[in-house]
Amino acid sequence: MKFCSSCGAAVDLRIPPGDALPRHVCGNCGTIHYQNPKLVVGALPEWGDRILLCRRAIEPCYGKWTLPAGFMENNETTAQGAVRETLEEACARIELGEMFTLIDVPHISQVHIVYRARLLDLDFRPGEESLEVALFDEADIPWDDIAFRTIALSLRHFFEDRRSGKWSFHTGSIGPAPKT
């Protein structure tokens, strides 16, 4: 950040009085600009034994598969965001279930939340951010082409819980991807 969104003056990175972390502070009007983690919300839509996945039409991870998910908007709940993202990316209507995974991704300042969901019908198609959408059995999940590690982790938890017959709420944290 270089300029204050309140008055347009240049900002400095410094620790404001009473704080412990460096913040962008406007020397002209005194506004402190906080930068906080972003929430990514999505759904794990089920139809029988199959899961709905979207193949991304945007970067990052163009062409890879993911659950319908994206950044939460202002003035919506996490649940509303998950329903909206599913409609936007897969044109799919869902009945939202319980929150299933909450995964911290601190190295990119994000928190990823996935809800279980039930597809209401088979009337789905790719939205603007998807190349295609499809239902997958566990055996057919394209594991090597899953876009994000948080999605792969959520899917693994889902299939493990389904096999055990006991559903849990899963939390965790992931670090940067290993260098290859």
N, C-alpha and C. Protein backbone atom coordinates (compact mmCIF):
# COMPACT_ATOMS: atom_id res chain seq x y z
N MET A 1 0.85 -1.16 0.00
CA MET A 1 0.00 0.00 0.00
C MET A 1 0.90 1.23 0.00
N LYS A 2 0.56 2.18 -0.88
CA LYS A 2 1.38 3.38 -0.98
C LYS A 2 0.63 4.64 -0.57
N PHE A 3 -0.71 4.64 -0.77
CA PHE A 3 -1.48 5.85 -0.51
C PHE A 3 -2.70 5.55 0.35
N CYS A 4 -3.07 6.53 1.13
CA CYS A 4 -4.22 6.44 2.04
C CYS A 4 -5.52 6.44 1.24
N SER A 5 -6.39 5.50 1.53
CA SER A 5 -7.69 5.45 0.84
C SER A 5 -8.66 6.49 1.40
N SER A 6 -8.30 7.13 2.52
CA SER A 6 -9.17 8.16 3.09
C SER A 6 -8.87 9.54 2.53
N CYS A 7 -7.56 9.89 2.40
CA CYS A 7 -7.22 11.24 1.96
C CYS A 7 -6.28 11.29 0.77
N GLY A 8 -5.70 10.16 0.37
CA GLY A 8 -4.84 10.12 -0.79
C GLY A 8 -3.37 10.41 -0.52
N ALA A 9 -3.02 10.75 0.71
CA ALA A 9 -1.62 11.05 1.05
C ALA A 9 -0.82 9.74 1.12
N ALA A 10 0.50 9.86 1.07
CA ALA A 10 1.38 8.70 1.19
C ALA A 10 1.27 8.10 2.59
N VAL A 11 1.44 6.79 2.66
CA VAL A 11 1.41 6.10 3.95
C VAL A 11 2.81 5.57 4.26
N ASP A 12 3.06 5.38 5.55
CA ASP A 12 4.31 4.78 6.03
C ASP A 12 3.97 3.48 6.73
N LEU A 13 4.90 2.53 6.66
CA LEU A 13 4.75 1.28 7.39
C LEU A 13 5.44 1.46 8.73
N ARG A 14 4.63 1.45 9.81
CA ARG A 14 5.19 1.61 11.15
C ARG A 14 4.24 1.00 12.18
N ILE A 15 4.75 0.83 13.39
CA ILE A 15 3.92 0.31 14.47
C ILE A 15 3.22 1.48 15.14
N PRO A 16 1.88 1.57 15.01
CA PRO A 16 1.17 2.68 15.64
C PRO A 16 1.17 2.54 17.16
N PRO A 17 1.02 3.65 17.87
CA PRO A 17 0.95 3.57 19.34
C PRO A 17 -0.16 2.62 19.78
N GLY A 18 0.15 1.78 20.76
CA GLY A 18 -0.82 0.83 21.29
C GLY A 18 -0.96 -0.44 20.48
N ASP A 19 -0.18 -0.58 19.41
CA ASP A 19 -0.24 -1.78 18.57
C ASP A 19 1.08 -2.53 18.72
N ALA A 20 1.16 -3.73 18.17
CA ALA A 20 2.38 -4.52 18.24
C ALA A 20 2.91 -4.90 16.87
N LEU A 21 2.14 -4.60 15.82
CA LEU A 21 2.51 -5.01 14.47
C LEU A 21 2.63 -3.80 13.55
N PRO A 22 3.50 -3.88 12.56
CA PRO A 22 3.59 -2.78 11.59
C PRO A 22 2.29 -2.65 10.79
N ARG A 23 1.84 -1.44 10.59
CA ARG A 23 0.64 -1.13 9.82
C ARG A 23 0.95 0.01 8.87
N HIS A 24 0.16 0.13 7.81
CA HIS A 24 0.26 1.29 6.93
C HIS A 24 -0.50 2.43 7.62
N VAL A 25 0.22 3.51 7.93
CA VAL A 25 -0.36 4.64 8.66
C VAL A 25 -0.21 5.90 7.81
N CYS A 26 -1.28 6.63 7.72
CA CYS A 26 -1.25 7.89 6.97
C CYS A 26 -0.71 8.99 7.88
N GLY A 27 0.37 9.64 7.44
CA GLY A 27 0.96 10.74 8.21
C GLY A 27 0.13 12.01 8.12
N ASN A 28 -0.76 12.09 7.14
CA ASN A 28 -1.59 13.28 6.96
C ASN A 28 -2.85 13.24 7.82
N CYS A 29 -3.65 12.19 7.69
CA CYS A 29 -4.94 12.14 8.42
C CYS A 29 -4.92 11.18 9.60
N GLY A 30 -3.86 10.37 9.73
CA GLY A 30 -3.73 9.47 10.87
C GLY A 30 -4.45 8.14 10.73
N THR A 31 -5.08 7.88 9.58
CA THR A 31 -5.80 6.63 9.39
C THR A 31 -4.81 5.45 9.42
N ILE A 32 -5.19 4.44 10.19
CA ILE A 32 -4.41 3.20 10.24
C ILE A 32 -5.11 2.20 9.32
N HIS A 33 -4.39 1.68 8.35
CA HIS A 33 -4.95 0.74 7.38
C HIS A 33 -4.57 -0.68 7.79
N TYR A 34 -5.56 -1.43 8.28
CA TYR A 34 -5.34 -2.81 8.70
C TYR A 34 -5.52 -3.73 7.50
N GLN A 35 -4.64 -4.68 7.36
CA GLN A 35 -4.78 -5.71 6.34
C GLN A 35 -4.94 -7.04 7.06
N ASN A 36 -6.10 -7.66 6.85
CA ASN A 36 -6.45 -8.86 7.57
C ASN A 36 -6.63 -10.03 6.61
N PRO A 37 -6.60 -11.25 7.14
CA PRO A 37 -6.76 -12.43 6.28
C PRO A 37 -8.08 -12.41 5.50
N LYS A 38 -8.06 -13.06 4.35
CA LYS A 38 -9.25 -13.19 3.52
C LYS A 38 -9.89 -14.55 3.80
N LEU A 39 -11.21 -14.58 3.75
CA LEU A 39 -11.95 -15.83 3.92
C LEU A 39 -12.34 -16.38 2.56
N VAL A 40 -12.04 -17.65 2.34
CA VAL A 40 -12.47 -18.38 1.17
C VAL A 40 -13.54 -19.35 1.65
N VAL A 41 -14.71 -19.30 1.03
CA VAL A 41 -15.82 -20.16 1.45
C VAL A 41 -16.31 -20.99 0.27
N GLY A 42 -16.74 -22.21 0.58
CA GLY A 42 -17.21 -23.07 -0.49
C GLY A 42 -18.05 -24.21 0.02
N ALA A 43 -18.47 -25.04 -0.92
CA ALA A 43 -19.34 -26.16 -0.59
C ALA A 43 -18.78 -27.45 -1.18
N LEU A 44 -19.14 -28.54 -0.54
CA LEU A 44 -18.82 -29.89 -1.00
C LEU A 44 -20.16 -30.53 -1.36
N PRO A 45 -20.66 -30.25 -2.59
CA PRO A 45 -22.00 -30.70 -2.97
C PRO A 45 -22.05 -32.19 -3.30
N GLU A 46 -23.00 -32.89 -2.67
CA GLU A 46 -23.16 -34.33 -2.85
C GLU A 46 -24.41 -34.62 -3.67
N TRP A 47 -24.32 -35.64 -4.49
CA TRP A 47 -25.49 -36.22 -5.17
C TRP A 47 -25.29 -37.72 -5.10
N GLY A 48 -26.00 -38.36 -4.20
CA GLY A 48 -25.78 -39.79 -3.97
C GLY A 48 -24.38 -40.01 -3.45
N ASP A 49 -23.62 -40.85 -4.12
CA ASP A 49 -22.24 -41.13 -3.71
C ASP A 49 -21.23 -40.27 -4.46
N ARG A 50 -21.71 -39.29 -5.22
CA ARG A 50 -20.81 -38.49 -6.03
C ARG A 50 -20.70 -37.05 -5.51
N ILE A 51 -19.58 -36.42 -5.87
CA ILE A 51 -19.27 -35.05 -5.46
C ILE A 51 -19.16 -34.17 -6.70
N LEU A 52 -19.68 -32.96 -6.63
CA LEU A 52 -19.60 -32.01 -7.73
C LEU A 52 -18.29 -31.23 -7.66
N LEU A 53 -17.51 -31.29 -8.74
CA LEU A 53 -16.28 -30.53 -8.85
C LEU A 53 -16.35 -29.62 -10.07
N CYS A 54 -15.58 -28.53 -10.01
CA CYS A 54 -15.50 -27.55 -11.10
C CYS A 54 -14.07 -27.52 -11.61
N ARG A 55 -13.92 -27.45 -12.93
CA ARG A 55 -12.58 -27.28 -13.51
C ARG A 55 -12.39 -25.80 -13.79
N ARG A 56 -11.36 -25.22 -13.20
CA ARG A 56 -11.16 -23.77 -13.18
C ARG A 56 -10.87 -23.19 -14.56
N ALA A 57 -11.54 -22.06 -14.85
CA ALA A 57 -11.32 -21.31 -16.09
C ALA A 57 -10.52 -20.04 -15.82
N ILE A 58 -9.99 -19.92 -14.60
CA ILE A 58 -9.22 -18.74 -14.21
C ILE A 58 -7.97 -19.18 -13.46
N GLU A 59 -7.01 -18.27 -13.39
CA GLU A 59 -5.83 -18.49 -12.56
C GLU A 59 -6.17 -18.05 -11.13
N PRO A 60 -5.52 -18.56 -10.13
CA PRO A 60 -4.48 -19.59 -10.23
C PRO A 60 -5.09 -20.97 -10.51
N CYS A 61 -4.26 -21.83 -10.99
CA CYS A 61 -4.60 -23.23 -11.22
C CYS A 61 -5.61 -23.44 -12.34
N TYR A 62 -5.47 -22.66 -13.40
CA TYR A 62 -6.32 -22.83 -14.58
C TYR A 62 -6.31 -24.29 -15.02
N GLY A 63 -7.51 -24.84 -15.29
CA GLY A 63 -7.63 -26.21 -15.78
C GLY A 63 -7.64 -27.28 -14.71
N LYS A 64 -7.37 -26.90 -13.46
CA LYS A 64 -7.39 -27.87 -12.36
C LYS A 64 -8.80 -27.95 -11.77
N TRP A 65 -9.05 -29.01 -11.02
CA TRP A 65 -10.38 -29.25 -10.43
C TRP A 65 -10.43 -28.75 -8.99
N THR A 66 -11.60 -28.28 -8.59
CA THR A 66 -11.81 -27.78 -7.24
C THR A 66 -13.27 -27.91 -6.86
N LEU A 67 -13.54 -27.74 -5.60
CA LEU A 67 -14.92 -27.57 -5.15
C LEU A 67 -15.35 -26.15 -5.49
N PRO A 68 -16.64 -25.89 -5.66
CA PRO A 68 -17.07 -24.51 -5.88
C PRO A 68 -16.78 -23.68 -4.63
N ALA A 69 -15.92 -22.68 -4.77
CA ALA A 69 -15.51 -21.86 -3.63
C ALA A 69 -14.88 -20.58 -4.13
N GLY A 70 -14.83 -19.59 -3.25
CA GLY A 70 -14.20 -18.33 -3.59
C GLY A 70 -14.22 -17.38 -2.42
N PHE A 71 -13.77 -16.16 -2.67
CA PHE A 71 -13.67 -15.18 -1.59
C PHE A 71 -15.04 -14.72 -1.12
N MET A 72 -15.16 -14.66 0.19
CA MET A 72 -16.37 -14.15 0.82
C MET A 72 -16.52 -12.67 0.50
N GLU A 73 -17.74 -12.22 0.30
CA GLU A 73 -18.04 -10.82 0.04
C GLU A 73 -18.44 -10.13 1.33
N ASN A 74 -18.32 -8.81 1.33
CA ASN A 74 -18.82 -8.02 2.47
C ASN A 74 -20.34 -8.22 2.58
N ASN A 75 -20.82 -8.10 3.78
CA ASN A 75 -22.26 -8.15 4.07
C ASN A 75 -22.92 -9.49 3.78
N GLU A 76 -22.15 -10.58 3.84
CA GLU A 76 -22.74 -11.90 3.72
C GLU A 76 -22.14 -12.80 4.79
N THR A 77 -22.88 -13.84 5.14
CA THR A 77 -22.36 -14.83 6.08
C THR A 77 -21.50 -15.83 5.30
N THR A 78 -20.74 -16.65 6.04
CA THR A 78 -19.95 -17.67 5.36
C THR A 78 -20.88 -18.64 4.62
N ALA A 79 -22.02 -18.96 5.21
CA ALA A 79 -22.98 -19.86 4.57
C ALA A 79 -23.53 -19.23 3.29
N GLN A 80 -23.89 -17.98 3.34
CA GLN A 80 -24.39 -17.31 2.13
C GLN A 80 -23.33 -17.28 1.05
N GLY A 81 -22.08 -17.06 1.44
CA GLY A 81 -20.99 -17.05 0.48
C GLY A 81 -20.80 -18.40 -0.19
N ALA A 82 -20.91 -19.48 0.58
CA ALA A 82 -20.76 -20.83 0.02
C ALA A 82 -21.86 -21.13 -0.99
N VAL A 83 -23.09 -20.74 -0.66
CA VAL A 83 -24.21 -20.94 -1.59
C VAL A 83 -24.01 -20.09 -2.85
N ARG A 84 -23.61 -18.83 -2.69
CA ARG A 84 -23.40 -17.93 -3.82
C ARG A 84 -22.31 -18.47 -4.74
N GLU A 85 -21.16 -18.88 -4.14
CA GLU A 85 -20.06 -19.38 -4.95
C GLU A 85 -20.46 -20.63 -5.73
N THR A 86 -21.25 -21.51 -5.14
CA THR A 86 -21.70 -22.71 -5.83
C THR A 86 -22.60 -22.34 -7.01
N LEU A 87 -23.46 -21.37 -6.83
CA LEU A 87 -24.32 -20.90 -7.91
C LEU A 87 -23.50 -20.23 -9.01
N GLU A 88 -22.52 -19.40 -8.62
CA GLU A 88 -21.69 -18.70 -9.61
C GLU A 88 -20.80 -19.64 -10.41
N GLU A 89 -20.16 -20.59 -9.74
CA GLU A 89 -19.17 -21.43 -10.42
C GLU A 89 -19.75 -22.67 -11.09
N ALA A 90 -20.86 -23.18 -10.55
CA ALA A 90 -21.43 -24.41 -11.10
C ALA A 90 -22.90 -24.25 -11.50
N CYS A 91 -23.46 -23.05 -11.34
CA CYS A 91 -24.88 -22.82 -11.63
C CYS A 91 -25.73 -23.88 -10.94
N ALA A 92 -25.29 -24.30 -9.76
CA ALA A 92 -25.94 -25.38 -9.03
C ALA A 92 -26.65 -24.85 -7.79
N ARG A 93 -27.83 -25.40 -7.57
CA ARG A 93 -28.60 -25.07 -6.37
C ARG A 93 -28.33 -26.13 -5.32
N ILE A 94 -28.05 -25.68 -4.10
CA ILE A 94 -27.72 -26.62 -3.03
C ILE A 94 -28.52 -26.34 -1.77
N GLU A 95 -28.64 -27.37 -0.97
CA GLU A 95 -29.11 -27.23 0.41
C GLU A 95 -27.86 -27.35 1.27
N LEU A 96 -27.52 -26.28 1.95
CA LEU A 96 -26.28 -26.25 2.70
C LEU A 96 -26.41 -27.05 3.99
N GLY A 97 -25.40 -27.84 4.27
CA GLY A 97 -25.33 -28.60 5.51
C GLY A 97 -24.42 -27.90 6.50
N GLU A 98 -23.79 -28.68 7.36
CA GLU A 98 -22.94 -28.12 8.40
C GLU A 98 -21.56 -27.74 7.86
N MET A 99 -20.92 -26.83 8.59
CA MET A 99 -19.54 -26.49 8.26
C MET A 99 -18.71 -27.76 8.45
N PHE A 100 -17.86 -28.07 7.47
CA PHE A 100 -17.15 -29.34 7.49
C PHE A 100 -15.65 -29.17 7.76
N THR A 101 -15.01 -28.22 7.07
CA THR A 101 -13.59 -27.97 7.31
C THR A 101 -13.33 -26.49 7.46
N LEU A 102 -12.38 -26.18 8.32
CA LEU A 102 -11.86 -24.82 8.49
C LEU A 102 -10.35 -24.97 8.53
N ILE A 103 -9.70 -24.47 7.47
CA ILE A 103 -8.26 -24.68 7.32
C ILE A 103 -7.56 -23.33 7.22
N ASP A 104 -6.65 -23.07 8.14
CA ASP A 104 -5.85 -21.85 8.13
C ASP A 104 -4.74 -22.01 7.09
N VAL A 105 -4.53 -20.93 6.31
CA VAL A 105 -3.45 -20.91 5.33
C VAL A 105 -2.67 -19.61 5.58
N PRO A 106 -1.91 -19.57 6.71
CA PRO A 106 -1.32 -18.30 7.14
C PRO A 106 -0.28 -17.72 6.20
N HIS A 107 0.43 -18.55 5.43
CA HIS A 107 1.48 -18.00 4.55
C HIS A 107 0.91 -17.16 3.42
N ILE A 108 -0.41 -17.27 3.14
CA ILE A 108 -1.05 -16.39 2.16
C ILE A 108 -2.19 -15.60 2.80
N SER A 109 -2.22 -15.58 4.12
CA SER A 109 -3.21 -14.81 4.89
C SER A 109 -4.64 -15.13 4.47
N GLN A 110 -4.97 -16.42 4.47
CA GLN A 110 -6.32 -16.86 4.13
C GLN A 110 -6.80 -17.89 5.14
N VAL A 111 -8.12 -18.01 5.23
CA VAL A 111 -8.79 -19.07 5.97
C VAL A 111 -9.80 -19.68 5.01
N HIS A 112 -9.76 -21.00 4.83
CA HIS A 112 -10.66 -21.68 3.90
C HIS A 112 -11.72 -22.46 4.69
N ILE A 113 -12.98 -22.22 4.37
CA ILE A 113 -14.12 -22.86 5.04
C ILE A 113 -14.92 -23.61 3.99
N VAL A 114 -15.17 -24.90 4.24
CA VAL A 114 -15.99 -25.70 3.33
C VAL A 114 -17.15 -26.29 4.11
N TYR A 115 -18.35 -26.16 3.53
CA TYR A 115 -19.58 -26.74 4.09
C TYR A 115 -19.94 -28.00 3.31
N ARG A 116 -20.52 -28.97 3.98
CA ARG A 116 -21.16 -30.06 3.26
C ARG A 116 -22.45 -29.51 2.67
N ALA A 117 -22.86 -30.07 1.54
CA ALA A 117 -24.08 -29.61 0.90
C ALA A 117 -24.69 -30.74 0.09
N ARG A 118 -25.97 -30.60 -0.19
CA ARG A 118 -26.70 -31.56 -1.02
C ARG A 118 -27.19 -30.84 -2.26
N LEU A 119 -26.86 -31.38 -3.43
CA LEU A 119 -27.40 -30.82 -4.67
C LEU A 119 -28.92 -31.02 -4.67
N LEU A 120 -29.65 -29.99 -5.06
CA LEU A 120 -31.10 -30.07 -5.09
C LEU A 120 -31.61 -30.71 -6.38
N ASP A 121 -30.79 -30.65 -7.43
CA ASP A 121 -31.17 -31.26 -8.72
C ASP A 121 -29.90 -31.39 -9.56
N LEU A 122 -30.05 -31.94 -10.73
CA LEU A 122 -28.90 -32.14 -11.62
C LEU A 122 -28.80 -31.04 -12.69
N ASP A 123 -29.48 -29.95 -12.46
CA ASP A 123 -29.46 -28.82 -13.38
C ASP A 123 -28.28 -27.92 -13.04
N PHE A 124 -27.07 -28.36 -13.40
CA PHE A 124 -25.87 -27.56 -13.18
C PHE A 124 -25.11 -27.45 -14.49
N ARG A 125 -24.27 -26.44 -14.58
CA ARG A 125 -23.45 -26.20 -15.78
C ARG A 125 -22.32 -25.27 -15.38
N PRO A 126 -21.29 -25.14 -16.19
CA PRO A 126 -20.18 -24.25 -15.84
C PRO A 126 -20.63 -22.80 -15.76
N GLY A 127 -20.19 -22.13 -14.69
CA GLY A 127 -20.34 -20.69 -14.60
C GLY A 127 -19.17 -20.03 -15.31
N GLU A 128 -19.07 -18.71 -15.21
CA GLU A 128 -18.02 -17.99 -15.93
C GLU A 128 -16.61 -18.37 -15.50
N GLU A 129 -16.43 -18.82 -14.25
CA GLU A 129 -15.10 -19.15 -13.76
C GLU A 129 -14.76 -20.63 -13.89
N SER A 130 -15.63 -21.39 -14.56
CA SER A 130 -15.42 -22.84 -14.70
C SER A 130 -15.42 -23.24 -16.17
N LEU A 131 -14.51 -24.16 -16.51
CA LEU A 131 -14.48 -24.73 -17.85
C LEU A 131 -15.53 -25.84 -17.99
N GLU A 132 -15.67 -26.61 -16.91
CA GLU A 132 -16.67 -27.68 -16.88
C GLU A 132 -16.96 -28.03 -15.43
N VAL A 133 -18.08 -28.67 -15.21
CA VAL A 133 -18.45 -29.18 -13.89
C VAL A 133 -18.91 -30.61 -14.08
N ALA A 134 -18.61 -31.45 -13.10
CA ALA A 134 -18.96 -32.86 -13.22
C ALA A 134 -19.08 -33.49 -11.85
N LEU A 135 -19.85 -34.58 -11.81
CA LEU A 135 -19.98 -35.38 -10.60
C LEU A 135 -18.94 -36.50 -10.64
N PHE A 136 -18.30 -36.74 -9.49
CA PHE A 136 -17.24 -37.75 -9.41
C PHE A 136 -17.51 -38.71 -8.26
N ASP A 137 -17.34 -40.02 -8.54
CA ASP A 137 -17.24 -41.01 -7.48
C ASP A 137 -15.87 -40.87 -6.85
N GLU A 138 -15.70 -41.39 -5.65
CA GLU A 138 -14.40 -41.30 -4.99
C GLU A 138 -13.28 -41.87 -5.88
N ALA A 139 -13.53 -42.98 -6.51
CA ALA A 139 -12.50 -43.64 -7.33
C ALA A 139 -12.11 -42.80 -8.55
N ASP A 140 -12.97 -41.90 -8.97
CA ASP A 140 -12.71 -41.11 -10.17
C ASP A 140 -12.22 -39.70 -9.90
N ILE A 141 -12.06 -39.34 -8.63
CA ILE A 141 -11.57 -37.99 -8.30
C ILE A 141 -10.21 -37.80 -8.97
N PRO A 142 -10.01 -36.70 -9.71
CA PRO A 142 -8.70 -36.47 -10.37
C PRO A 142 -7.68 -35.90 -9.37
N TRP A 143 -7.22 -36.74 -8.45
CA TRP A 143 -6.38 -36.29 -7.34
C TRP A 143 -5.14 -35.52 -7.80
N ASP A 144 -4.54 -35.92 -8.89
CA ASP A 144 -3.34 -35.23 -9.37
C ASP A 144 -3.65 -33.88 -10.00
N ASP A 145 -4.91 -33.61 -10.24
CA ASP A 145 -5.33 -32.35 -10.86
C ASP A 145 -6.22 -31.52 -9.94
N ILE A 146 -6.15 -31.73 -8.64
CA ILE A 146 -6.90 -30.89 -7.70
C ILE A 146 -6.13 -29.59 -7.52
N ALA A 147 -6.85 -28.47 -7.62
CA ALA A 147 -6.21 -27.15 -7.67
C ALA A 147 -5.52 -26.75 -6.37
N PHE A 148 -6.14 -27.02 -5.23
CA PHE A 148 -5.63 -26.48 -3.97
C PHE A 148 -5.53 -27.58 -2.91
N ARG A 149 -4.48 -27.50 -2.11
CA ARG A 149 -4.27 -28.51 -1.06
C ARG A 149 -5.40 -28.51 -0.04
N THR A 150 -6.01 -27.35 0.23
CA THR A 150 -7.13 -27.30 1.18
C THR A 150 -8.32 -28.09 0.65
N ILE A 151 -8.52 -28.06 -0.65
CA ILE A 151 -9.63 -28.80 -1.26
C ILE A 151 -9.33 -30.30 -1.21
N ALA A 152 -8.12 -30.69 -1.53
CA ALA A 152 -7.74 -32.10 -1.45
C ALA A 152 -7.90 -32.61 -0.02
N LEU A 153 -7.49 -31.81 0.95
CA LEU A 153 -7.63 -32.21 2.35
C LEU A 153 -9.10 -32.34 2.75
N SER A 154 -9.93 -31.40 2.32
CA SER A 154 -11.36 -31.47 2.62
C SER A 154 -11.99 -32.72 1.99
N LEU A 155 -11.61 -33.02 0.76
CA LEU A 155 -12.13 -34.23 0.10
C LEU A 155 -11.68 -35.50 0.82
N ARG A 156 -10.42 -35.54 1.24
CA ARG A 156 -9.93 -36.73 1.96
C ARG A 156 -10.69 -36.92 3.27
N HIS A 157 -10.90 -35.82 4.00
CA HIS A 157 -11.69 -35.91 5.25
C HIS A 157 -13.10 -36.41 4.95
N PHE A 158 -13.69 -35.91 3.87
CA PHE A 158 -15.05 -36.31 3.52
C PHE A 158 -15.13 -37.82 3.28
N PHE A 159 -14.25 -38.34 2.46
CA PHE A 159 -14.31 -39.77 2.14
C PHE A 159 -13.96 -40.63 3.34
N GLU A 160 -13.03 -40.20 4.19
CA GLU A 160 -12.71 -40.93 5.42
C GLU A 160 -13.92 -40.96 6.35
N ASP A 161 -14.58 -39.81 6.53
CA ASP A 161 -15.76 -39.75 7.39
C ASP A 161 -16.88 -40.61 6.83
N ARG A 162 -17.07 -40.56 5.52
CA ARG A 162 -18.14 -41.35 4.90
C ARG A 162 -17.88 -42.84 5.12
N ARG A 163 -16.63 -43.28 4.96
CA ARG A 163 -16.29 -44.70 5.18
C ARG A 163 -16.53 -45.10 6.64
N SER A 164 -16.19 -44.21 7.57
CA SER A 164 -16.34 -44.54 8.99
C SER A 164 -17.78 -44.43 9.46
N GLY A 165 -18.61 -43.69 8.70
CA GLY A 165 -20.00 -43.49 9.11
C GLY A 165 -20.13 -42.46 10.23
N LYS A 166 -19.06 -41.76 10.54
CA LYS A 166 -19.07 -40.78 11.61
C LYS A 166 -18.55 -39.45 11.07
N TRP A 167 -19.42 -38.44 11.03
CA TRP A 167 -19.06 -37.14 10.49
C TRP A 167 -18.50 -36.25 11.57
N SER A 168 -17.42 -35.56 11.25
CA SER A 168 -16.75 -34.66 12.18
C SER A 168 -16.53 -33.30 11.53
N PHE A 169 -16.26 -32.32 12.37
CA PHE A 169 -15.82 -31.00 11.91
C PHE A 169 -14.30 -31.02 11.96
N HIS A 170 -13.65 -30.68 10.85
CA HIS A 170 -12.20 -30.79 10.75
C HIS A 170 -11.56 -29.41 10.69
N THR A 171 -10.54 -29.22 11.50
CA THR A 171 -9.76 -27.98 11.46
C THR A 171 -8.30 -28.34 11.23
N GLY A 172 -7.57 -27.36 10.76
CA GLY A 172 -6.15 -27.60 10.55
C GLY A 172 -5.49 -26.37 9.99
N SER A 173 -4.23 -26.53 9.68
CA SER A 173 -3.42 -25.45 9.14
C SER A 173 -2.45 -26.07 8.16
N ILE A 174 -2.21 -25.39 7.04
CA ILE A 174 -1.20 -25.86 6.10
C ILE A 174 -0.19 -24.74 5.84
N GLY A 175 1.02 -25.16 5.60
CA GLY A 175 2.08 -24.21 5.29
C GLY A 175 2.30 -24.13 3.79
N PRO A 176 3.36 -23.45 3.39
CA PRO A 176 3.67 -23.36 1.96
C PRO A 176 3.88 -24.74 1.35
N ALA A 177 3.57 -24.86 0.07
CA ALA A 177 3.78 -26.12 -0.63
C ALA A 177 5.27 -26.42 -0.69
N PRO A 178 5.63 -27.68 -0.58
CA PRO A 178 7.06 -28.03 -0.68
C PRO A 178 7.59 -27.63 -2.05
N LYS A 179 8.83 -27.19 -2.07
CA LYS A 179 9.49 -26.84 -3.34
C LYS A 179 9.79 -28.11 -4.11
N THR A 180 9.53 -28.05 -5.42
CA THR A 180 9.79 -29.25 -6.24
C THR A 180 10.96 -29.04 -7.16
